[in-house]
Amino acid sequence: MRGAFRVVAPLFAASSAVSSRLSPALAPFLPRNPPSPLRRLFSALPPMSNHSPAATPPSAAVSLLESSSFEKQFDDFRVQLEESGNVRERIRAVVMELEAAVRLMHSSLLLVHHTAPNSEVLDKARAQIEVLKGVFHKLTDILRECPGQYYRYHGDWRSETQTSVSLIAFLHWLETGNLLVHAEAEKKLGLDNSEFGLDIEDYLIGLCFMSNELVTAGNYDCPRKVLMFLTDLHAAFRMLNLRNDFLRKKFDGMKYDLRRVEEVYYDVKIRGLGPGDSIQEQNTQA
């Protein structure tokens, strides 16, 4: 920059000397404020650009990296959701078969409320147990493909499992007069606790559902048997520390079922319709 001023200074001095030598007659034709030699020098230079060479700012580079990670993450989510949706569709198709088998078994057992249980009625209901076992095997095969995901899809067949337990437990009581224990229920349904077991809450809720079915027609000794069975079952449930959830509500319903059975039993006893009541009444009159 100092070199530039050294060049311009003599030019400026020479220009001033020349203008001073001009005659006054040419003065009106000269510009009042002639451009300085310094201005003429810099005006001849090419204009400087206000922009720096193209480069990616650091913030833009970080944004690109974040965008790439976002896309990868949500692309993984998309794949997982599609796989989960396909599994649920397969499970729903099997659950529809389970619902059909449960309806047929329930309709067969409904006959015991109108007629005394007989082998034909029980055989029809018993035949559906094999169907239920085959359907649960299909569910097991599906879940074997996605290990560790049992409780992720458990809600898709939970209600049907509870109803199945209540029906096979009711059938077992009609045949033996005893409670169907958890291990026997798993065996009847073809379930294996290591892969696809019977959830304990589903088993307990199924027993609570069964208490609504413990009434048969044409057998006046049945109220006494039902009362004894429900009393023992209710006492066993009282050993559990149940929270305020769906299982607790079903257990509260069992208490009302037990109260209704007690009313039926005392009504039969008062009327002398029980098998031992008529003999006691005759002895009393004698």
Protein backbone atom coordinates (compact mmCIF):
# COMPACT_ATOMS: atom_id res chain seq x y z
CA MET A 1 0.00 0.00 0.00
CA ARG A 2 2.85 2.41 0.72
CA GLY A 3 4.26 1.70 -2.76
CA ALA A 4 0.95 2.68 -4.31
CA PHE A 5 1.02 6.04 -2.53
CA ARG A 6 4.54 6.62 -3.75
CA VAL A 7 3.39 6.16 -7.36
CA VAL A 8 0.26 8.26 -7.00
CA ALA A 9 1.83 11.22 -5.28
CA PRO A 10 3.98 12.37 -8.27
CA LEU A 11 1.00 11.94 -10.59
CA PHE A 12 -1.13 14.08 -8.37
CA ALA A 13 1.54 16.77 -8.23
CA ALA A 14 1.98 16.77 -12.01
CA SER A 15 -1.74 17.09 -12.55
CA SER A 16 -1.93 20.05 -10.24
CA ALA A 17 0.91 21.77 -12.06
CA VAL A 18 -0.70 21.29 -15.44
CA SER A 19 -4.05 22.63 -14.32
CA SER A 20 -2.41 25.69 -12.85
CA ARG A 21 -0.82 26.49 -16.22
CA LEU A 22 -4.15 26.42 -18.11
CA SER A 23 -5.59 29.73 -19.12
CA PRO A 24 -8.54 31.13 -17.22
CA ALA A 25 -10.64 30.85 -20.37
CA LEU A 26 -10.60 27.04 -20.16
CA ALA A 27 -11.56 26.94 -16.50
CA PRO A 28 -15.34 26.78 -17.07
CA PHE A 29 -14.88 23.64 -19.16
CA LEU A 30 -12.94 21.78 -16.51
CA PRO A 31 -14.79 19.72 -13.83
CA ARG A 32 -15.03 21.42 -10.49
CA ASN A 33 -14.04 18.31 -8.53
CA PRO A 34 -11.94 16.17 -10.83
CA PRO A 35 -11.52 12.60 -9.67
CA SER A 36 -8.35 12.09 -7.80
CA PRO A 37 -5.66 9.88 -9.31
CA LEU A 38 -6.04 7.57 -6.28
CA ARG A 39 -9.74 7.09 -7.05
CA ARG A 40 -8.99 6.45 -10.73
CA LEU A 41 -6.38 3.89 -9.76
CA PHE A 42 -8.66 1.90 -7.46
CA SER A 43 -11.66 2.22 -9.81
CA ALA A 44 -9.66 0.39 -12.49
CA LEU A 45 -9.16 -2.60 -10.22
CA PRO A 46 -11.73 -5.46 -10.52
CA PRO A 47 -14.38 -5.43 -7.78
CA MET A 48 -13.72 -7.74 -4.85
CA SER A 49 -16.29 -10.42 -4.09
CA ASN A 50 -18.13 -10.24 -0.79
CA HIS A 51 -18.40 -14.03 -0.58
CA SER A 52 -15.72 -16.39 0.60
CA PRO A 53 -14.94 -19.54 -1.39
CA ALA A 54 -17.73 -22.13 -1.24
CA ALA A 55 -17.39 -24.29 1.85
CA THR A 56 -19.78 -26.32 4.02
CA PRO A 57 -20.37 -24.61 7.37
CA PRO A 58 -19.80 -26.79 10.47
CA SER A 59 -23.46 -26.48 11.49
CA ALA A 60 -24.59 -27.75 8.08
CA ALA A 61 -22.26 -30.75 8.34
CA VAL A 62 -23.67 -31.62 11.76
CA SER A 63 -27.20 -31.26 10.42
CA LEU A 64 -26.46 -33.67 7.60
CA LEU A 65 -25.07 -36.22 10.05
CA GLU A 66 -28.13 -35.91 12.29
CA SER A 67 -30.48 -36.25 9.32
CA SER A 68 -28.69 -39.41 8.24
CA SER A 69 -28.96 -40.93 11.74
CA PHE A 70 -32.65 -39.98 11.94
CA GLU A 71 -33.38 -41.68 8.63
CA LYS A 72 -31.53 -44.84 9.64
CA GLN A 73 -33.30 -45.02 12.98
CA PHE A 74 -36.80 -44.54 11.58
CA ASP A 75 -36.08 -46.91 8.72
CA ASP A 76 -35.26 -49.55 11.35
CA PHE A 77 -38.51 -48.68 13.13
CA ARG A 78 -40.44 -49.12 9.89
CA VAL A 79 -38.98 -52.59 9.35
CA GLN A 80 -39.72 -53.64 12.93
CA LEU A 81 -43.31 -52.36 12.79
CA GLU A 82 -43.95 -54.14 9.51
CA GLU A 83 -42.61 -57.40 10.93
CA SER A 84 -44.69 -56.98 14.09
CA GLY A 85 -47.79 -56.24 12.02
CA ASN A 86 -47.30 -59.39 9.98
CA VAL A 87 -46.96 -61.46 13.15
CA ARG A 88 -50.14 -59.95 14.60
CA GLU A 89 -52.09 -60.72 11.44
CA ARG A 90 -51.01 -64.34 11.64
CA ILE A 91 -51.93 -64.46 15.33
CA ARG A 92 -55.37 -62.94 14.69
CA ALA A 93 -56.10 -65.58 12.06
CA VAL A 94 -55.30 -68.32 14.60
CA VAL A 95 -57.27 -66.56 17.36
CA MET A 96 -60.36 -66.62 15.13
CA GLU A 97 -60.05 -70.42 15.03
CA LEU A 98 -59.68 -70.40 18.80
CA GLU A 99 -62.84 -68.33 19.20
CA ALA A 100 -64.81 -70.75 17.01
CA ALA A 101 -63.67 -73.77 19.05
CA VAL A 102 -64.52 -71.98 22.32
CA ARG A 103 -68.04 -71.14 21.07
CA LEU A 104 -68.72 -74.75 20.09
CA MET A 105 -67.49 -76.06 23.42
CA HIS A 106 -69.51 -73.49 25.34
CA SER A 107 -72.69 -74.29 23.41
CA SER A 108 -72.22 -77.98 24.21
CA LEU A 109 -71.78 -77.33 27.93
CA LEU A 110 -74.81 -75.04 28.06
CA LEU A 111 -77.00 -78.14 27.80
CA VAL A 112 -76.07 -79.19 31.34
CA HIS A 113 -78.05 -76.24 32.65
CA HIS A 114 -81.27 -77.68 31.18
CA THR A 115 -80.75 -81.43 31.41
CA ALA A 116 -78.73 -83.69 33.64
CA PRO A 117 -75.16 -84.16 32.37
CA ASN A 118 -74.84 -87.25 30.21
CA SER A 119 -72.05 -88.88 28.26
CA GLU A 120 -73.23 -87.50 24.91
CA VAL A 121 -73.13 -83.89 26.11
CA LEU A 122 -69.74 -84.35 27.73
CA ASP A 123 -68.30 -86.13 24.68
CA LYS A 124 -69.19 -83.19 22.42
CA ALA A 125 -67.48 -80.78 24.75
CA ARG A 126 -64.51 -83.09 25.23
CA ALA A 127 -63.96 -83.31 21.47
CA GLN A 128 -63.30 -79.55 21.32
CA ILE A 129 -60.37 -79.89 23.71
CA GLU A 130 -58.34 -81.54 20.96
CA VAL A 131 -59.28 -78.69 18.65
CA LEU A 132 -58.10 -76.17 21.25
CA LYS A 133 -54.85 -78.05 21.64
CA GLY A 134 -54.21 -77.90 17.89
CA VAL A 135 -54.92 -74.17 17.78
CA PHE A 136 -52.55 -73.46 20.66
CA HIS A 137 -49.88 -75.46 18.82
CA LYS A 138 -50.25 -73.03 15.91
CA LEU A 139 -49.73 -70.09 18.25
CA THR A 140 -46.66 -71.80 19.68
CA ASP A 141 -45.18 -72.20 16.20
CA ILE A 142 -45.67 -68.50 15.46
CA LEU A 143 -44.08 -67.35 18.71
CA ARG A 144 -41.17 -69.71 18.23
CA GLU A 145 -40.13 -67.51 15.30
CA CYS A 146 -39.86 -64.45 17.58
CA PRO A 147 -38.40 -65.67 20.90
CA GLY A 148 -38.80 -63.48 23.95
CA GLN A 149 -41.91 -61.76 22.56
CA TYR A 150 -44.58 -63.78 24.42
CA TYR A 151 -45.98 -60.93 26.51
CA ARG A 152 -45.76 -58.51 23.59
CA TYR A 153 -48.53 -60.42 21.78
CA HIS A 154 -50.14 -62.06 24.82
CA GLY A 155 -53.09 -59.68 24.81
CA ASP A 156 -54.18 -60.91 21.38
CA TRP A 157 -55.32 -64.31 22.73
CA ARG A 158 -55.61 -63.66 26.49
CA SER A 159 -59.40 -63.43 26.68
CA GLU A 160 -59.88 -66.61 24.64
CA THR A 161 -57.36 -68.43 26.86
CA GLN A 162 -59.26 -67.45 30.01
CA THR A 163 -62.53 -68.68 28.53
CA SER A 164 -60.87 -71.93 27.44
CA VAL A 165 -59.59 -72.53 30.97
CA SER A 166 -63.03 -71.89 32.46
CA LEU A 167 -64.67 -74.39 30.08
CA ILE A 168 -62.16 -77.21 30.51
CA ALA A 169 -62.18 -76.64 34.30
CA PHE A 170 -65.99 -76.85 34.30
CA LEU A 171 -65.88 -80.01 32.23
CA HIS A 172 -63.29 -81.48 34.58
CA TRP A 173 -65.51 -80.69 37.57
CA LEU A 174 -68.51 -82.34 35.91
CA GLU A 175 -66.44 -85.46 35.32
CA THR A 176 -64.57 -85.67 38.63
CA GLY A 177 -66.04 -83.12 41.05
CA ASN A 178 -62.52 -81.77 41.66
CA LEU A 179 -60.52 -78.70 40.73
CA LEU A 180 -58.48 -78.69 37.52
CA VAL A 181 -54.99 -77.69 38.68
CA HIS A 182 -52.70 -75.47 36.65
CA ALA A 183 -50.40 -78.26 35.42
CA GLU A 184 -53.35 -80.35 34.22
CA ALA A 185 -54.82 -77.33 32.41
CA GLU A 186 -51.53 -76.79 30.57
CA LYS A 187 -51.42 -80.45 29.61
CA LYS A 188 -54.99 -80.46 28.30
CA LEU A 189 -54.26 -77.41 26.15
CA GLY A 190 -50.95 -78.82 24.94
CA LEU A 191 -48.90 -75.96 26.39
CA ASP A 192 -45.28 -76.13 27.48
CA ASN A 193 -44.11 -73.73 30.16
CA SER A 194 -40.64 -73.48 28.61
CA GLU A 195 -41.93 -71.95 25.34
CA PHE A 196 -45.63 -71.12 25.48
CA GLY A 197 -47.05 -71.66 28.95
CA LEU A 198 -50.38 -70.93 30.59
CA ASP A 199 -50.16 -67.60 32.36
CA ILE A 200 -51.07 -67.90 36.06
CA GLU A 201 -53.44 -64.92 35.97
CA ASP A 202 -55.22 -66.36 32.93
CA TYR A 203 -55.66 -69.62 34.83
CA LEU A 204 -57.03 -67.88 37.95
CA ILE A 205 -59.39 -65.66 35.96
CA GLY A 206 -60.63 -68.75 34.12
CA LEU A 207 -61.49 -70.35 37.49
CA CYS A 208 -63.40 -67.22 38.46
CA PHE A 209 -65.37 -67.44 35.21
CA MET A 210 -66.13 -71.08 35.97
CA SER A 211 -68.00 -70.16 39.16
CA ASN A 212 -70.79 -68.73 36.99
CA GLU A 213 -71.30 -72.10 35.29
CA LEU A 214 -71.57 -74.31 38.38
CA VAL A 215 -75.32 -74.95 38.18
CA THR A 216 -77.01 -78.00 36.70
CA ALA A 217 -80.68 -78.92 36.35
CA GLY A 218 -82.46 -82.01 37.59
CA ASN A 219 -79.98 -82.79 40.37
CA TYR A 220 -81.00 -81.51 43.78
CA ASP A 221 -77.77 -82.72 45.31
CA CYS A 222 -75.80 -80.44 42.98
CA PRO A 223 -76.22 -77.25 45.10
CA ARG A 224 -74.57 -79.00 48.05
CA LYS A 225 -71.61 -80.15 45.91
CA VAL A 226 -71.28 -76.73 44.29
CA LEU A 227 -71.42 -75.03 47.68
CA MET A 228 -68.66 -77.23 49.09
CA PHE A 229 -66.49 -76.75 46.01
CA LEU A 230 -66.93 -72.98 45.80
CA THR A 231 -66.32 -72.59 49.54
CA ASP A 232 -62.98 -74.37 49.24
CA LEU A 233 -62.07 -72.46 46.07
CA HIS A 234 -62.98 -69.12 47.65
CA ALA A 235 -60.87 -69.94 50.72
CA ALA A 236 -57.92 -70.81 48.47
CA PHE A 237 -58.23 -67.49 46.62
CA ARG A 238 -58.16 -65.63 49.93
CA MET A 239 -54.60 -66.83 50.40
CA LEU A 240 -53.55 -64.62 47.48
CA ASN A 241 -52.62 -60.97 47.91
CA LEU A 242 -54.75 -59.65 45.07
CA ARG A 243 -54.40 -56.05 43.97
CA ASN A 244 -57.13 -53.80 42.68
CA ASP A 245 -57.06 -55.11 39.11
CA PHE A 246 -59.15 -57.30 36.80
CA LEU A 247 -58.38 -60.49 38.75
CA ARG A 248 -59.53 -58.87 41.99
CA LYS A 249 -62.80 -57.83 40.35
CA LYS A 250 -63.39 -61.39 39.13
CA PHE A 251 -62.67 -62.71 42.63
CA ASP A 252 -65.24 -60.29 44.05
CA GLY A 253 -67.71 -61.73 41.53
CA MET A 254 -66.98 -65.21 42.89
CA LYS A 255 -68.15 -64.06 46.34
CA TYR A 256 -71.53 -63.14 44.89
CA ASP A 257 -71.71 -66.50 43.08
CA LEU A 258 -71.01 -68.23 46.39
CA ARG A 259 -73.78 -66.27 48.08
CA ARG A 260 -76.28 -67.23 45.38
CA VAL A 261 -75.33 -70.90 45.68
CA GLU A 262 -75.84 -70.70 49.44
CA GLU A 263 -79.35 -69.30 48.88
CA VAL A 264 -80.17 -72.10 46.43
CA TYR A 265 -78.80 -74.74 48.76
CA TYR A 266 -80.79 -73.52 51.78
CA ASP A 267 -83.92 -73.21 49.64
CA VAL A 268 -83.54 -76.83 48.49
CA LYS A 269 -82.83 -77.93 52.05
CA ILE A 270 -85.87 -76.14 53.46
CA ARG A 271 -88.12 -77.69 50.81
CA GLY A 272 -86.76 -81.13 51.60
CA LEU A 273 -85.68 -81.75 47.99
CA GLY A 274 -82.19 -82.94 48.81
CA PRO A 275 -81.37 -86.66 48.78
CA GLY A 276 -81.03 -86.85 52.58
CA ASP A 277 -83.57 -84.21 53.49
CA SER A 278 -86.67 -86.39 52.91
CA ILE A 279 -85.30 -89.15 55.19
CA GLN A 280 -84.57 -86.65 57.95
CA GLU A 281 -88.06 -85.17 57.55
CA GLN A 282 -89.69 -88.63 57.85
CA ASN A 283 -87.68 -89.38 61.00
CA THR A 284 -88.69 -86.04 62.47
CA GLN A 285 -92.42 -86.67 61.81
CA ALA A 286 -92.16 -90.19 63.31
